[in-house]
Amino acid sequence: MTGPCERAIEFIVRAVCVMDGWLLLCRRRGTPRSYLPGGHIEPGEGARAALRRELREELGHRAAVGPFLGAVEHRFSDARHQSTHEINLLFQTRIAGLRPDRIPAALEIRIMFEWVPLTTLPQSDIEPWPLRRRLRRWLESGVPGWASTCEATR
């Protein structure tokens, strides 16, 4: 018998797009939490290809997917109390045509984008929450990292 926490683990790719000290974030309209742009890896699809596809679908822009920055295991329950367990793979990414002085338009009606100063990340509402402390360290060090909401405490 399978319980609600025993569903398949989802694999997600996330873009870490930093320009002039600003980080591109995504937010589902009507919700308080932000996250890095990206989405699910489809069966048979590579992680980098999935990220390029997701960014084309969400932004309509081509992306150059760079180095792997780290992974975050994240377990959470949504507003309907459905449990989700995901592995987020983060890649440094350059997205053609974006500028931090302009909010990019989303091609999907359910989401919106925003730029936030990278220096404010520790105080942000970004999920998974370990990114608030670790993302800048991973960017600055160039050494991929690991974090988990399943193993760590805030």
C-alpha atoms as a PDB file:
ATOM      1  CA  MET A   1       0.000   0.000   0.000  1.00  0.00           C
ATOM      2  CA  THR A   2       1.350   3.412  -0.942  1.00  0.00           C
ATOM      3  CA  GLY A   3       0.862   6.417   1.330  1.00  0.00           C
ATOM      4  CA  PRO A   4       0.861  10.092   0.316  1.00  0.00           C
ATOM      5  CA  CYS A   5       4.599  10.441   1.035  1.00  0.00           C
ATOM      6  CA  GLU A   6       5.521   7.432  -1.070  1.00  0.00           C
ATOM      7  CA  ARG A   7       4.823   8.917  -4.497  1.00  0.00           C
ATOM      8  CA  ALA A   8       7.579   9.084  -7.081  1.00  0.00           C
ATOM      9  CA  ILE A   9      10.287  11.675  -6.579  1.00  0.00           C
ATOM     10  CA  GLU A  10      10.022  14.494  -9.117  1.00  0.00           C
ATOM     11  CA  PHE A  11      13.159  15.766 -10.862  1.00  0.00           C
ATOM     12  CA  ILE A  12      13.148  19.514 -11.475  1.00  0.00           C
ATOM     13  CA  VAL A  13      15.677  21.718 -13.294  1.00  0.00           C
ATOM     14  CA  ARG A  14      16.167  25.302 -12.132  1.00  0.00           C
ATOM     15  CA  ALA A  15      17.860  28.292 -13.781  1.00  0.00           C
ATOM     16  CA  VAL A  16      20.111  30.499 -11.685  1.00  0.00           C
ATOM     17  CA  CYS A  17      20.150  33.621 -13.828  1.00  0.00           C
ATOM     18  CA  VAL A  18      22.149  36.435 -12.219  1.00  0.00           C
ATOM     19  CA  MET A  19      22.735  39.721 -14.028  1.00  0.00           C
ATOM     20  CA  ASP A  20      24.491  42.720 -12.488  1.00  0.00           C
ATOM     21  CA  GLY A  21      23.811  41.402  -8.974  1.00  0.00           C
ATOM     22  CA  TRP A  22      20.108  40.672  -9.619  1.00  0.00           C
ATOM     23  CA  LEU A  23      18.573  37.158  -9.532  1.00  0.00           C
ATOM     24  CA  LEU A  24      15.623  36.169 -11.705  1.00  0.00           C
ATOM     25  CA  LEU A  25      12.816  34.512  -9.734  1.00  0.00           C
ATOM     26  CA  CYS A  26       9.450  33.082 -10.644  1.00  0.00           C
ATOM     27  CA  ARG A  27       6.231  33.115  -8.640  1.00  0.00           C
ATOM     28  CA  ARG A  28       2.907  31.383  -9.133  1.00  0.00           C
ATOM     29  CA  ARG A  29       0.292  34.155  -9.293  1.00  0.00           C
ATOM     30  CA  GLY A  30      -1.595  34.547  -6.016  1.00  0.00           C
ATOM     31  CA  THR A  31       0.986  32.721  -3.899  1.00  0.00           C
ATOM     32  CA  PRO A  32       3.520  34.176  -1.468  1.00  0.00           C
ATOM     33  CA  ARG A  33       6.585  32.058  -2.281  1.00  0.00           C
ATOM     34  CA  SER A  34       9.063  32.531  -5.106  1.00  0.00           C
ATOM     35  CA  TYR A  35      11.316  29.968  -6.756  1.00  0.00           C
ATOM     36  CA  LEU A  36      13.926  29.704  -9.479  1.00  0.00           C
ATOM     37  CA  PRO A  37      12.550  29.393 -13.042  1.00  0.00           C
ATOM     38  CA  GLY A  38      12.456  25.933 -14.550  1.00  0.00           C
ATOM     39  CA  GLY A  39      10.375  22.806 -14.377  1.00  0.00           C
ATOM     40  CA  HIS A  40      10.094  19.053 -14.679  1.00  0.00           C
ATOM     41  CA  ILE A  41      12.462  16.839 -16.607  1.00  0.00           C
ATOM     42  CA  GLU A  42      10.418  14.745 -19.015  1.00  0.00           C
ATOM     43  CA  PRO A  43      11.139  11.007 -19.508  1.00  0.00           C
ATOM     44  CA  GLY A  44      14.087  10.535 -21.857  1.00  0.00           C
ATOM     45  CA  GLU A  45      15.108  14.205 -21.644  1.00  0.00           C
ATOM     46  CA  GLY A  46      18.467  15.412 -20.336  1.00  0.00           C
ATOM     47  CA  ALA A  47      18.562  17.986 -17.546  1.00  0.00           C
ATOM     48  CA  ARG A  48      20.110  20.805 -19.602  1.00  0.00           C
ATOM     49  CA  ALA A  49      17.745  20.181 -22.524  1.00  0.00           C
ATOM     50  CA  ALA A  50      14.809  20.223 -20.114  1.00  0.00           C
ATOM     51  CA  LEU A  51      15.903  23.570 -18.699  1.00  0.00           C
ATOM     52  CA  ARG A  52      16.265  25.103 -22.167  1.00  0.00           C
ATOM     53  CA  ARG A  53      12.785  23.811 -23.091  1.00  0.00           C
ATOM     54  CA  GLU A  54      11.194  25.066 -19.860  1.00  0.00           C
ATOM     55  CA  LEU A  55      12.678  28.551 -20.272  1.00  0.00           C
ATOM     56  CA  ARG A  56      11.461  28.735 -23.892  1.00  0.00           C
ATOM     57  CA  GLU A  57       7.968  27.712 -22.719  1.00  0.00           C
ATOM     58  CA  GLU A  58       7.879  30.134 -19.780  1.00  0.00           C
ATOM     59  CA  LEU A  59       9.773  33.129 -21.220  1.00  0.00           C
ATOM     60  CA  GLY A  60      10.030  32.609 -24.971  1.00  0.00           C
ATOM     61  CA  HIS A  61      13.802  33.179 -24.816  1.00  0.00           C
ATOM     62  CA  ARG A  62      16.772  30.996 -25.668  1.00  0.00           C
ATOM     63  CA  ALA A  63      18.984  30.056 -22.738  1.00  0.00           C
ATOM     64  CA  ALA A  64      22.616  29.071 -22.453  1.00  0.00           C
ATOM     65  CA  VAL A  65      22.766  26.511 -19.659  1.00  0.00           C
ATOM     66  CA  GLY A  66      26.111  26.620 -17.903  1.00  0.00           C
ATOM     67  CA  PRO A  67      27.738  24.885 -14.958  1.00  0.00           C
ATOM     68  CA  PHE A  68      25.896  22.713 -12.477  1.00  0.00           C
ATOM     69  CA  LEU A  69      25.671  24.615  -9.165  1.00  0.00           C
ATOM     70  CA  GLY A  70      24.060  22.121  -6.840  1.00  0.00           C
ATOM     71  CA  ALA A  71      21.004  20.120  -5.890  1.00  0.00           C
ATOM     72  CA  VAL A  72      18.290  20.612  -3.306  1.00  0.00           C
ATOM     73  CA  GLU A  73      16.039  17.845  -2.057  1.00  0.00           C
ATOM     74  CA  HIS A  74      12.685  19.355  -1.102  1.00  0.00           C
ATOM     75  CA  ARG A  75       9.640  17.819   0.533  1.00  0.00           C
ATOM     76  CA  PHE A  76       6.508  19.896   1.066  1.00  0.00           C
ATOM     77  CA  SER A  77       2.716  19.831   1.158  1.00  0.00           C
ATOM     78  CA  ASP A  78       0.655  22.097  -1.043  1.00  0.00           C
ATOM     79  CA  ALA A  79      -2.565  23.962  -0.193  1.00  0.00           C
ATOM     80  CA  ARG A  80      -4.546  20.752  -0.827  1.00  0.00           C
ATOM     81  CA  HIS A  81      -2.267  18.889   1.630  1.00  0.00           C
ATOM     82  CA  GLN A  82      -0.767  16.773  -1.149  1.00  0.00           C
ATOM     83  CA  SER A  83       2.788  15.770  -0.357  1.00  0.00           C
ATOM     84  CA  THR A  84       5.516  16.349  -2.942  1.00  0.00           C
ATOM     85  CA  HIS A  85       9.110  15.155  -2.867  1.00  0.00           C
ATOM     86  CA  GLU A  86      11.433  16.652  -5.460  1.00  0.00           C
ATOM     87  CA  ILE A  87      15.082  16.918  -6.377  1.00  0.00           C
ATOM     88  CA  ASN A  88      15.968  20.355  -7.796  1.00  0.00           C
ATOM     89  CA  LEU A  89      19.022  20.487 -10.082  1.00  0.00           C
ATOM     90  CA  LEU A  90      20.412  24.035 -10.337  1.00  0.00           C
ATOM     91  CA  PHE A  91      22.381  25.339 -13.311  1.00  0.00           C
ATOM     92  CA  GLN A  92      23.965  28.714 -13.863  1.00  0.00           C
ATOM     93  CA  THR A  93      22.085  30.099 -16.865  1.00  0.00           C
ATOM     94  CA  ARG A  94      22.252  33.036 -19.261  1.00  0.00           C
ATOM     95  CA  ILE A  95      18.958  33.964 -20.903  1.00  0.00           C
ATOM     96  CA  ALA A  96      19.185  35.985 -24.110  1.00  0.00           C
ATOM     97  CA  GLY A  97      17.283  39.252 -24.208  1.00  0.00           C
ATOM     98  CA  LEU A  98      16.718  39.696 -20.473  1.00  0.00           C
ATOM     99  CA  ARG A  99      17.762  42.745 -18.472  1.00  0.00           C
ATOM    100  CA  PRO A 100      17.349  43.268 -14.717  1.00  0.00           C
ATOM    101  CA  ASP A 101      15.807  46.721 -15.261  1.00  0.00           C
ATOM    102  CA  ARG A 102      12.829  45.113 -17.045  1.00  0.00           C
ATOM    103  CA  ILE A 103      10.453  42.486 -15.689  1.00  0.00           C
ATOM    104  CA  PRO A 104      10.152  39.737 -18.305  1.00  0.00           C
ATOM    105  CA  ALA A 105       6.663  38.780 -19.405  1.00  0.00           C
ATOM    106  CA  ALA A 106       5.602  35.219 -18.675  1.00  0.00           C
ATOM    107  CA  LEU A 107       4.138  33.138 -21.488  1.00  0.00           C
ATOM    108  CA  GLU A 108       2.245  30.979 -18.994  1.00  0.00           C
ATOM    109  CA  ILE A 109      -0.705  32.733 -17.369  1.00  0.00           C
ATOM    110  CA  ARG A 110      -0.242  31.101 -13.961  1.00  0.00           C
ATOM    111  CA  ILE A 111       3.249  32.526 -13.323  1.00  0.00           C
ATOM    112  CA  MET A 112       5.080  35.843 -13.157  1.00  0.00           C
ATOM    113  CA  PHE A 113       8.741  36.821 -12.976  1.00  0.00           C
ATOM    114  CA  GLU A 114      10.657  39.253 -10.793  1.00  0.00           C
ATOM    115  CA  TRP A 115      14.250  40.368 -10.263  1.00  0.00           C
ATOM    116  CA  VAL A 116      15.585  40.510  -6.698  1.00  0.00           C
ATOM    117  CA  PRO A 117      18.982  41.711  -5.485  1.00  0.00           C
ATOM    118  CA  LEU A 118      21.179  38.683  -4.843  1.00  0.00           C
ATOM    119  CA  THR A 119      22.268  40.315  -1.570  1.00  0.00           C
ATOM    120  CA  THR A 120      18.691  40.064  -0.214  1.00  0.00           C
ATOM    121  CA  LEU A 121      18.424  36.315  -0.782  1.00  0.00           C
ATOM    122  CA  PRO A 122      18.804  35.407   2.940  1.00  0.00           C
ATOM    123  CA  GLN A 123      15.693  37.484   3.743  1.00  0.00           C
ATOM    124  CA  SER A 124      13.705  36.360   0.697  1.00  0.00           C
ATOM    125  CA  ASP A 125      10.762  33.985   0.464  1.00  0.00           C
ATOM    126  CA  ILE A 126      12.484  31.700  -2.066  1.00  0.00           C
ATOM    127  CA  GLU A 127      11.763  27.981  -1.866  1.00  0.00           C
ATOM    128  CA  PRO A 128      13.319  25.564  -1.203  1.00  0.00           C
ATOM    129  CA  TRP A 129      14.406  27.586   1.808  1.00  0.00           C
ATOM    130  CA  PRO A 130      18.029  26.253   2.015  1.00  0.00           C
ATOM    131  CA  LEU A 131      18.752  28.323  -1.117  1.00  0.00           C
ATOM    132  CA  ARG A 132      18.385  31.482   0.973  1.00  0.00           C
ATOM    133  CA  ARG A 133      21.703  30.689   2.675  1.00  0.00           C
ATOM    134  CA  ARG A 134      23.517  28.494   0.191  1.00  0.00           C
ATOM    135  CA  LEU A 135      22.944  29.760  -3.340  1.00  0.00           C
ATOM    136  CA  ARG A 136      25.363  32.710  -3.126  1.00  0.00           C
ATOM    137  CA  ARG A 137      28.031  30.440  -1.618  1.00  0.00           C
ATOM    138  CA  TRP A 138      27.647  27.961  -4.484  1.00  0.00           C
ATOM    139  CA  LEU A 139      27.870  30.765  -7.064  1.00  0.00           C
ATOM    140  CA  GLU A 140      30.943  32.334  -5.456  1.00  0.00           C
ATOM    141  CA  SER A 141      32.853  29.126  -4.784  1.00  0.00           C
ATOM    142  CA  GLY A 142      32.155  27.340  -8.050  1.00  0.00           C
ATOM    143  CA  VAL A 143      31.887  24.125  -6.013  1.00  0.00           C
ATOM    144  CA  PRO A 144      28.543  22.331  -6.449  1.00  0.00           C
ATOM    145  CA  GLY A 145      26.590  21.854  -3.249  1.00  0.00           C
ATOM    146  CA  TRP A 146      23.803  19.817  -1.726  1.00  0.00           C
ATOM    147  CA  ALA A 147      20.977  20.880   0.565  1.00  0.00           C
ATOM    148  CA  SER A 148      17.797  19.242   1.805  1.00  0.00           C
ATOM    149  CA  THR A 149      14.633  20.304   3.552  1.00  0.00           C
ATOM    150  CA  CYS A 150      14.302  16.668   4.645  1.00  0.00           C
ATOM    151  CA  GLU A 151      17.582  16.514   6.620  1.00  0.00           C
ATOM    152  CA  ALA A 152      18.252  20.046   7.843  1.00  0.00           C
ATOM    153  CA  THR A 153      16.621  22.432  10.233  1.00  0.00           C
ATOM    154  CA  ARG A 154      16.121  26.095   9.563  1.00  0.00           C
END
